[in-house]
Amino acid sequence: MGMACRVGCGACCIAPSISSPIPGMPDGKPAGVRCIQLTDDHRCAIFGDPRRPQVCVRLRPEPVMCGTGREHALRWLSELEKATRAT
């Protein structure tokens, strides 16, 4: 079973690249760039909105990804991004 999203994290809205359109970012976003929909308190402004990219809808917080804090999550997701990057 998964876990609840950590308040104040937002790593999953920064570290991975997103190739599908996001409201305000029609070409998606590159890895390491903050999503325009990430609010100042690190929440998704379009959570539950049908325009939210499916990759975001499907990504669920898990202990291995989120670890003990935001820095762990940023590192883990950045490494996953590098490992899965098309060459």
PDB file of N, CA and C in Angstrom:
ATOM      1  N   MET A   1       0.843  -1.186   0.000  1.00  0.00           N
ATOM      2  CA  MET A   1       0.000   0.000   0.000  1.00  0.00           C
ATOM      3  C   MET A   1       0.886   1.247   0.000  1.00  0.00           C
ATOM      4  N   GLY A   2       0.450   2.279  -0.687  1.00  0.00           N
ATOM      5  CA  GLY A   2       1.205   3.514  -0.805  1.00  0.00           C
ATOM      6  C   GLY A   2       1.118   4.348   0.455  1.00  0.00           C
ATOM      7  N   MET A   3       1.611   5.533   0.337  1.00  0.00           N
ATOM      8  CA  MET A   3       1.621   6.449   1.466  1.00  0.00           C
ATOM      9  C   MET A   3       1.004   7.767   1.028  1.00  0.00           C
ATOM     10  N   ALA A   4       0.720   8.631   1.974  1.00  0.00           N
ATOM     11  CA  ALA A   4       0.185   9.952   1.656  1.00  0.00           C
ATOM     12  C   ALA A   4       1.319  10.847   1.174  1.00  0.00           C
ATOM     13  N   CYS A   5       0.994  11.763   0.314  1.00  0.00           N
ATOM     14  CA  CYS A   5       1.981  12.709  -0.193  1.00  0.00           C
ATOM     15  C   CYS A   5       2.474  13.579   0.966  1.00  0.00           C
ATOM     16  N   ARG A   6       3.792  13.786   1.030  1.00  0.00           N
ATOM     17  CA  ARG A   6       4.400  14.569   2.106  1.00  0.00           C
ATOM     18  C   ARG A   6       4.124  16.068   1.884  1.00  0.00           C
ATOM     19  N   VAL A   7       3.613  16.705   2.887  1.00  0.00           N
ATOM     20  CA  VAL A   7       3.348  18.143   2.824  1.00  0.00           C
ATOM     21  C   VAL A   7       4.672  18.884   2.626  1.00  0.00           C
ATOM     22  N   GLY A   8       4.681  19.852   1.710  1.00  0.00           N
ATOM     23  CA  GLY A   8       5.857  20.682   1.500  1.00  0.00           C
ATOM     24  C   GLY A   8       6.951  20.043   0.674  1.00  0.00           C
ATOM     25  N   CYS A   9       6.670  18.958  -0.036  1.00  0.00           N
ATOM     26  CA  CYS A   9       7.713  18.269  -0.809  1.00  0.00           C
ATOM     27  C   CYS A   9       7.737  18.775  -2.256  1.00  0.00           C
ATOM     28  N   GLY A  10       6.832  18.300  -3.093  1.00  0.00           N
ATOM     29  CA  GLY A  10       6.772  18.728  -4.484  1.00  0.00           C
ATOM     30  C   GLY A  10       7.854  18.163  -5.384  1.00  0.00           C
ATOM     31  N   ALA A  11       8.641  17.195  -4.883  1.00  0.00           N
ATOM     32  CA  ALA A  11       9.740  16.643  -5.686  1.00  0.00           C
ATOM     33  C   ALA A  11       9.250  16.048  -6.998  1.00  0.00           C
ATOM     34  N   CYS A  12       8.091  15.413  -6.981  1.00  0.00           N
ATOM     35  CA  CYS A  12       7.583  14.788  -8.197  1.00  0.00           C
ATOM     36  C   CYS A  12       7.101  15.821  -9.216  1.00  0.00           C
ATOM     37  N   CYS A  13       7.017  17.072  -8.820  1.00  0.00           N
ATOM     38  CA  CYS A  13       6.625  18.153  -9.722  1.00  0.00           C
ATOM     39  C   CYS A  13       7.835  18.960 -10.189  1.00  0.00           C
ATOM     40  N   ILE A  14       9.025  18.514  -9.788  1.00  0.00           N
ATOM     41  CA  ILE A  14      10.258  19.199 -10.155  1.00  0.00           C
ATOM     42  C   ILE A  14      11.218  18.256 -10.877  1.00  0.00           C
ATOM     43  N   ALA A  15      11.536  17.132 -10.271  1.00  0.00           N
ATOM     44  CA  ALA A  15      12.605  16.259 -10.767  1.00  0.00           C
ATOM     45  C   ALA A  15      12.338  15.614 -12.125  1.00  0.00           C
ATOM     46  N   PRO A  16      11.165  15.001 -12.360  1.00  0.00           N
ATOM     47  CA  PRO A  16      10.996  14.300 -13.638  1.00  0.00           C
ATOM     48  C   PRO A  16      10.643  15.230 -14.798  1.00  0.00           C
ATOM     49  N   SER A  17      10.988  14.770 -15.993  1.00  0.00           N
ATOM     50  CA  SER A  17      10.514  15.460 -17.190  1.00  0.00           C
ATOM     51  C   SER A  17       9.084  15.001 -17.444  1.00  0.00           C
ATOM     52  N   ILE A  18       8.302  15.851 -18.069  1.00  0.00           N
ATOM     53  CA  ILE A  18       6.933  15.507 -18.454  1.00  0.00           C
ATOM     54  C   ILE A  18       6.787  15.912 -19.911  1.00  0.00           C
ATOM     55  N   SER A  19       6.502  14.939 -20.762  1.00  0.00           N
ATOM     56  CA  SER A  19       6.446  15.212 -22.200  1.00  0.00           C
ATOM     57  C   SER A  19       5.059  15.616 -22.677  1.00  0.00           C
ATOM     58  N   SER A  20       4.044  15.404 -21.872  1.00  0.00           N
ATOM     59  CA  SER A  20       2.694  15.787 -22.281  1.00  0.00           C
ATOM     60  C   SER A  20       2.382  17.215 -21.845  1.00  0.00           C
ATOM     61  N   PRO A  21       1.410  17.845 -22.500  1.00  0.00           N
ATOM     62  CA  PRO A  21       1.069  19.229 -22.153  1.00  0.00           C
ATOM     63  C   PRO A  21       0.563  19.365 -20.715  1.00  0.00           C
ATOM     64  N   ILE A  22       0.926  20.473 -20.124  1.00  0.00           N
ATOM     65  CA  ILE A  22       0.465  20.860 -18.792  1.00  0.00           C
ATOM     66  C   ILE A  22      -0.140  22.249 -18.982  1.00  0.00           C
ATOM     67  N   PRO A  23      -1.292  22.549 -18.367  1.00  0.00           N
ATOM     68  CA  PRO A  23      -1.810  23.911 -18.498  1.00  0.00           C
ATOM     69  C   PRO A  23      -0.734  24.936 -18.114  1.00  0.00           C
ATOM     70  N   GLY A  24      -0.428  25.831 -19.039  1.00  0.00           N
ATOM     71  CA  GLY A  24       0.613  26.828 -18.826  1.00  0.00           C
ATOM     72  C   GLY A  24       1.980  26.383 -19.320  1.00  0.00           C
ATOM     73  N   MET A  25       2.112  25.107 -19.671  1.00  0.00           N
ATOM     74  CA  MET A  25       3.361  24.540 -20.204  1.00  0.00           C
ATOM     75  C   MET A  25       2.967  23.583 -21.344  1.00  0.00           C
ATOM     76  N   PRO A  26       2.574  24.134 -22.479  1.00  0.00           N
ATOM     77  CA  PRO A  26       2.033  23.302 -23.556  1.00  0.00           C
ATOM     78  C   PRO A  26       2.996  22.246 -24.106  1.00  0.00           C
ATOM     79  N   ASP A  27       4.286  22.421 -23.906  1.00  0.00           N
ATOM     80  CA  ASP A  27       5.268  21.447 -24.380  1.00  0.00           C
ATOM     81  C   ASP A  27       5.757  20.535 -23.251  1.00  0.00           C
ATOM     82  N   GLY A  28       5.065  20.523 -22.126  1.00  0.00           N
ATOM     83  CA  GLY A  28       5.519  19.758 -20.974  1.00  0.00           C
ATOM     84  C   GLY A  28       6.629  20.497 -20.260  1.00  0.00           C
ATOM     85  N   LYS A  29       7.493  19.740 -19.561  1.00  0.00           N
ATOM     86  CA  LYS A  29       8.590  20.393 -18.838  1.00  0.00           C
ATOM     87  C   LYS A  29       9.807  19.483 -18.807  1.00  0.00           C
ATOM     88  N   PRO A  30      10.984  20.075 -18.834  1.00  0.00           N
ATOM     89  CA  PRO A  30      12.206  19.270 -18.710  1.00  0.00           C
ATOM     90  C   PRO A  30      12.453  18.859 -17.257  1.00  0.00           C
ATOM     91  N   ALA A  31      13.260  17.848 -17.087  1.00  0.00           N
ATOM     92  CA  ALA A  31      13.643  17.391 -15.755  1.00  0.00           C
ATOM     93  C   ALA A  31      14.330  18.514 -14.987  1.00  0.00           C
ATOM     94  N   GLY A  32      14.029  18.606 -13.714  1.00  0.00           N
ATOM     95  CA  GLY A  32      14.664  19.601 -12.857  1.00  0.00           C
ATOM     96  C   GLY A  32      14.020  20.971 -12.893  1.00  0.00           C
ATOM     97  N   VAL A  33      13.001  21.135 -13.711  1.00  0.00           N
ATOM     98  CA  VAL A  33      12.295  22.421 -13.807  1.00  0.00           C
ATOM     99  C   VAL A  33      10.989  22.320 -13.027  1.00  0.00           C
ATOM    100  N   ARG A  34      10.748  23.305 -12.222  1.00  0.00           N
ATOM    101  CA  ARG A  34       9.525  23.348 -11.416  1.00  0.00           C
ATOM    102  C   ARG A  34       8.306  23.483 -12.325  1.00  0.00           C
ATOM    103  N   CYS A  35       7.302  22.624 -12.119  1.00  0.00           N
ATOM    104  CA  CYS A  35       6.057  22.723 -12.882  1.00  0.00           C
ATOM    105  C   CYS A  35       5.366  24.035 -12.535  1.00  0.00           C
ATOM    106  N   ILE A  36       4.822  24.674 -13.533  1.00  0.00           N
ATOM    107  CA  ILE A  36       4.119  25.944 -13.329  1.00  0.00           C
ATOM    108  C   ILE A  36       2.899  25.767 -12.421  1.00  0.00           C
ATOM    109  N   GLN A  37       2.389  24.542 -12.334  1.00  0.00           N
ATOM    110  CA  GLN A  37       1.208  24.270 -11.515  1.00  0.00           C
ATOM    111  C   GLN A  37       1.546  23.930 -10.061  1.00  0.00           C
ATOM    112  N   LEU A  38       2.825  23.916  -9.716  1.00  0.00           N
ATOM    113  CA  LEU A  38       3.227  23.664  -8.333  1.00  0.00           C
ATOM    114  C   LEU A  38       3.113  24.975  -7.556  1.00  0.00           C
ATOM    115  N   THR A  39       2.275  24.963  -6.541  1.00  0.00           N
ATOM    116  CA  THR A  39       2.038  26.185  -5.769  1.00  0.00           C
ATOM    117  C   THR A  39       3.205  26.478  -4.827  1.00  0.00           C
ATOM    118  N   ASP A  40       3.204  27.650  -4.244  1.00  0.00           N
ATOM    119  CA  ASP A  40       4.270  28.050  -3.320  1.00  0.00           C
ATOM    120  C   ASP A  40       4.380  27.119  -2.112  1.00  0.00           C
ATOM    121  N   ASP A  41       3.265  26.487  -1.728  1.00  0.00           N
ATOM    122  CA  ASP A  41       3.308  25.545  -0.604  1.00  0.00           C
ATOM    123  C   ASP A  41       3.484  24.098  -1.091  1.00  0.00           C
ATOM    124  N   HIS A  42       3.975  23.944  -2.325  1.00  0.00           N
ATOM    125  CA  HIS A  42       4.318  22.643  -2.913  1.00  0.00           C
ATOM    126  C   HIS A  42       3.126  21.709  -3.086  1.00  0.00           C
ATOM    127  N   ARG A  43       2.030  22.251  -3.528  1.00  0.00           N
ATOM    128  CA  ARG A  43       0.847  21.452  -3.856  1.00  0.00           C
ATOM    129  C   ARG A  43       0.526  21.646  -5.333  1.00  0.00           C
ATOM    130  N   CYS A  44      -0.153  20.665  -5.903  1.00  0.00           N
ATOM    131  CA  CYS A  44      -0.526  20.741  -7.316  1.00  0.00           C
ATOM    132  C   CYS A  44      -1.794  21.571  -7.461  1.00  0.00           C
ATOM    133  N   ALA A  45      -1.708  22.648  -8.234  1.00  0.00           N
ATOM    134  CA  ALA A  45      -2.849  23.533  -8.438  1.00  0.00           C
ATOM    135  C   ALA A  45      -3.926  22.884  -9.306  1.00  0.00           C
ATOM    136  N   ILE A  46      -3.575  21.825 -10.043  1.00  0.00           N
ATOM    137  CA  ILE A  46      -4.568  21.176 -10.913  1.00  0.00           C
ATOM    138  C   ILE A  46      -4.842  19.732 -10.472  1.00  0.00           C
ATOM    139  N   PHE A  47      -4.560  19.415  -9.221  1.00  0.00           N
ATOM    140  CA  PHE A  47      -4.861  18.089  -8.688  1.00  0.00           C
ATOM    141  C   PHE A  47      -6.352  17.825  -8.853  1.00  0.00           C
ATOM    142  N   GLY A  48      -6.700  16.681  -9.436  1.00  0.00           N
ATOM    143  CA  GLY A  48      -8.104  16.346  -9.668  1.00  0.00           C
ATOM    144  C   GLY A  48      -8.686  16.944 -10.934  1.00  0.00           C
ATOM    145  N   ASP A  49      -7.940  17.790 -11.614  1.00  0.00           N
ATOM    146  CA  ASP A  49      -8.375  18.429 -12.857  1.00  0.00           C
ATOM    147  C   ASP A  49      -8.100  17.466 -14.020  1.00  0.00           C
ATOM    148  N   PRO A  50      -9.047  17.263 -14.922  1.00  0.00           N
ATOM    149  CA  PRO A  50      -8.817  16.342 -16.041  1.00  0.00           C
ATOM    150  C   PRO A  50      -7.677  16.772 -16.969  1.00  0.00           C
ATOM    151  N   ARG A  51      -7.237  18.012 -16.889  1.00  0.00           N
ATOM    152  CA  ARG A  51      -6.111  18.474 -17.719  1.00  0.00           C
ATOM    153  C   ARG A  51      -4.759  18.072 -17.137  1.00  0.00           C
ATOM    154  N   ARG A  52      -4.756  17.558 -15.935  1.00  0.00           N
ATOM    155  CA  ARG A  52      -3.510  17.115 -15.298  1.00  0.00           C
ATOM    156  C   ARG A  52      -2.938  15.944 -16.103  1.00  0.00           C
ATOM    157  N   PRO A  53      -1.644  15.967 -16.421  1.00  0.00           N
ATOM    158  CA  PRO A  53      -1.052  14.892 -17.219  1.00  0.00           C
ATOM    159  C   PRO A  53      -1.229  13.522 -16.558  1.00  0.00           C
ATOM    160  N   GLN A  54      -1.487  12.511 -17.382  1.00  0.00           N
ATOM    161  CA  GLN A  54      -1.685  11.154 -16.867  1.00  0.00           C
ATOM    162  C   GLN A  54      -0.476  10.642 -16.105  1.00  0.00           C
ATOM    163  N   VAL A  55       0.726  11.034 -16.515  1.00  0.00           N
ATOM    164  CA  VAL A  55       1.921  10.592 -15.784  1.00  0.00           C
ATOM    165  C   VAL A  55       1.864  11.085 -14.340  1.00  0.00           C
ATOM    166  N   CYS A  56       1.322  12.244 -14.131  1.00  0.00           N
ATOM    167  CA  CYS A  56       1.187  12.797 -12.776  1.00  0.00           C
ATOM    168  C   CYS A  56       0.096  12.061 -12.003  1.00  0.00           C
ATOM    169  N   VAL A  57      -1.001  11.770 -12.686  1.00  0.00           N
ATOM    170  CA  VAL A  57      -2.108  11.056 -12.049  1.00  0.00           C
ATOM    171  C   VAL A  57      -1.636   9.684 -11.571  1.00  0.00           C
ATOM    172  N   ARG A  58      -0.820   9.007 -12.388  1.00  0.00           N
ATOM    173  CA  ARG A  58      -0.382   7.646 -12.074  1.00  0.00           C
ATOM    174  C   ARG A  58       0.755   7.572 -11.063  1.00  0.00           C
ATOM    175  N   LEU A  59       1.533   8.634 -10.925  1.00  0.00           N
ATOM    176  CA  LEU A  59       2.660   8.618  -9.988  1.00  0.00           C
ATOM    177  C   LEU A  59       2.133   8.749  -8.561  1.00  0.00           C
ATOM    178  N   ARG A  60       2.400   7.732  -7.769  1.00  0.00           N
ATOM    179  CA  ARG A  60       1.916   7.696  -6.385  1.00  0.00           C
ATOM    180  C   ARG A  60       3.089   7.694  -5.421  1.00  0.00           C
ATOM    181  N   PRO A  61       2.971   8.392  -4.296  1.00  0.00           N
ATOM    182  CA  PRO A  61       4.053   8.368  -3.311  1.00  0.00           C
ATOM    183  C   PRO A  61       4.251   6.959  -2.758  1.00  0.00           C
ATOM    184  N   GLU A  62       5.503   6.548  -2.686  1.00  0.00           N
ATOM    185  CA  GLU A  62       5.889   5.248  -2.149  1.00  0.00           C
ATOM    186  C   GLU A  62       7.106   5.449  -1.257  1.00  0.00           C
ATOM    187  N   PRO A  63       7.251   4.662  -0.204  1.00  0.00           N
ATOM    188  CA  PRO A  63       8.400   4.832   0.699  1.00  0.00           C
ATOM    189  C   PRO A  63       9.753   4.823  -0.012  1.00  0.00           C
ATOM    190  N   VAL A  64       9.940   3.945  -0.995  1.00  0.00           N
ATOM    191  CA  VAL A  64      11.234   3.875  -1.679  1.00  0.00           C
ATOM    192  C   VAL A  64      11.529   5.167  -2.448  1.00  0.00           C
ATOM    193  N   MET A  65      10.502   5.793  -2.997  1.00  0.00           N
ATOM    194  CA  MET A  65      10.675   7.028  -3.758  1.00  0.00           C
ATOM    195  C   MET A  65      10.797   8.227  -2.819  1.00  0.00           C
ATOM    196  N   CYS A  66       9.928   8.304  -1.845  1.00  0.00           N
ATOM    197  CA  CYS A  66       9.857   9.491  -0.990  1.00  0.00           C
ATOM    198  C   CYS A  66      10.878   9.481   0.146  1.00  0.00           C
ATOM    199  N   GLY A  67      11.261   8.286   0.596  1.00  0.00           N
ATOM    200  CA  GLY A  67      12.265   8.179   1.644  1.00  0.00           C
ATOM    201  C   GLY A  67      11.893   8.953   2.889  1.00  0.00           C
ATOM    202  N   THR A  68      12.880   9.570   3.497  1.00  0.00           N
ATOM    203  CA  THR A  68      12.672  10.274   4.758  1.00  0.00           C
ATOM    204  C   THR A  68      12.431  11.769   4.589  1.00  0.00           C
ATOM    205  N   GLY A  69      12.538  12.267   3.369  1.00  0.00           N
ATOM    206  CA  GLY A  69      12.327  13.699   3.184  1.00  0.00           C
ATOM    207  C   GLY A  69      12.426  14.130   1.739  1.00  0.00           C
ATOM    208  N   ARG A  70      12.204  15.403   1.521  1.00  0.00           N
ATOM    209  CA  ARG A  70      12.184  16.000   0.187  1.00  0.00           C
ATOM    210  C   ARG A  70      13.490  15.779  -0.571  1.00  0.00           C
ATOM    211  N   GLU A  71      14.620  15.945   0.102  1.00  0.00           N
ATOM    212  CA  GLU A  71      15.918  15.778  -0.574  1.00  0.00           C
ATOM    213  C   GLU A  71      16.091  14.360  -1.102  1.00  0.00           C
ATOM    214  N   HIS A  72      15.667  13.364  -0.314  1.00  0.00           N
ATOM    215  CA  HIS A  72      15.725  11.974  -0.781  1.00  0.00           C
ATOM    216  C   HIS A  72      14.873  11.815  -2.039  1.00  0.00           C
ATOM    217  N   ALA A  73      13.646  12.325  -2.000  1.00  0.00           N
ATOM    218  CA  ALA A  73      12.733  12.198  -3.135  1.00  0.00           C
ATOM    219  C   ALA A  73      13.299  12.883  -4.384  1.00  0.00           C
ATOM    220  N   LEU A  74      13.852  14.059  -4.232  1.00  0.00           N
ATOM    221  CA  LEU A  74      14.451  14.759  -5.374  1.00  0.00           C
ATOM    222  C   LEU A  74      15.603  13.952  -5.965  1.00  0.00           C
ATOM    223  N   ARG A  75      16.455  13.416  -5.106  1.00  0.00           N
ATOM    224  CA  ARG A  75      17.587  12.603  -5.560  1.00  0.00           C
ATOM    225  C   ARG A  75      17.109  11.339  -6.260  1.00  0.00           C
ATOM    226  N   TRP A  76      16.173  10.628  -5.653  1.00  0.00           N
ATOM    227  CA  TRP A  76      15.672   9.361  -6.188  1.00  0.00           C
ATOM    228  C   TRP A  76      15.015   9.577  -7.553  1.00  0.00           C
ATOM    229  N   LEU A  77      14.158  10.583  -7.632  1.00  0.00           N
ATOM    230  CA  LEU A  77      13.475  10.864  -8.900  1.00  0.00           C
ATOM    231  C   LEU A  77      14.448  11.348  -9.968  1.00  0.00           C
ATOM    232  N   SER A  78      15.454  12.106  -9.589  1.00  0.00           N
ATOM    233  CA  SER A  78      16.472  12.555 -10.555  1.00  0.00           C
ATOM    234  C   SER A  78      17.253  11.368 -11.097  1.00  0.00           C
ATOM    235  N   GLU A  79      17.598  10.430 -10.231  1.00  0.00           N
ATOM    236  CA  GLU A  79      18.311   9.223 -10.675  1.00  0.00           C
ATOM    237  C   GLU A  79      17.423   8.383 -11.584  1.00  0.00           C
ATOM    238  N   LEU A  80      16.156   8.255 -11.258  1.00  0.00           N
ATOM    239  CA  LEU A  80      15.235   7.513 -12.113  1.00  0.00           C
ATOM    240  C   LEU A  80      15.119   8.192 -13.483  1.00  0.00           C
ATOM    241  N   GLU A  81      15.060   9.499 -13.483  1.00  0.00           N
ATOM    242  CA  GLU A  81      15.002  10.264 -14.740  1.00  0.00           C
ATOM    243  C   GLU A  81      16.221   9.961 -15.602  1.00  0.00           C
ATOM    244  N   LYS A  82      17.398   9.985 -14.992  1.00  0.00           N
ATOM    245  CA  LYS A  82      18.636   9.702 -15.736  1.00  0.00           C
ATOM    246  C   LYS A  82      18.642   8.269 -16.280  1.00  0.00           C
ATOM    247  N   ALA A  83      18.192   7.323 -15.463  1.00  0.00           N
ATOM    248  CA  ALA A  83      18.200   5.915 -15.839  1.00  0.00           C
ATOM    249  C   ALA A  83      17.227   5.601 -16.975  1.00  0.00           C
ATOM    250  N   THR A  84      16.171   6.377 -17.084  1.00  0.00           N
ATOM    251  CA  THR A  84      15.134   6.091 -18.081  1.00  0.00           C
ATOM    252  C   THR A  84      15.166   7.058 -19.265  1.00  0.00           C
ATOM    253  N   ARG A  85      16.113   7.965 -19.266  1.00  0.00           N
ATOM    254  CA  ARG A  85      16.228   8.948 -20.348  1.00  0.00           C
ATOM    255  C   ARG A  85      16.531   8.245 -21.670  1.00  0.00           C
ATOM    256  N   ALA A  86      15.811   8.640 -22.700  1.00  0.00           N
ATOM    257  CA  ALA A  86      16.076   8.093 -24.036  1.00  0.00           C
ATOM    258  C   ALA A  86      17.422   8.626 -24.534  1.00  0.00           C
ATOM    259  N   THR A  87      18.203   7.758 -25.137  1.00  0.00           N
ATOM    260  CA  THR A  87      19.511   8.187 -25.634  1.00  0.00           C
ATOM    261  C   THR A  87      19.507   8.358 -27.126  1.00  0.00           C
TER     262      THR A  87
END
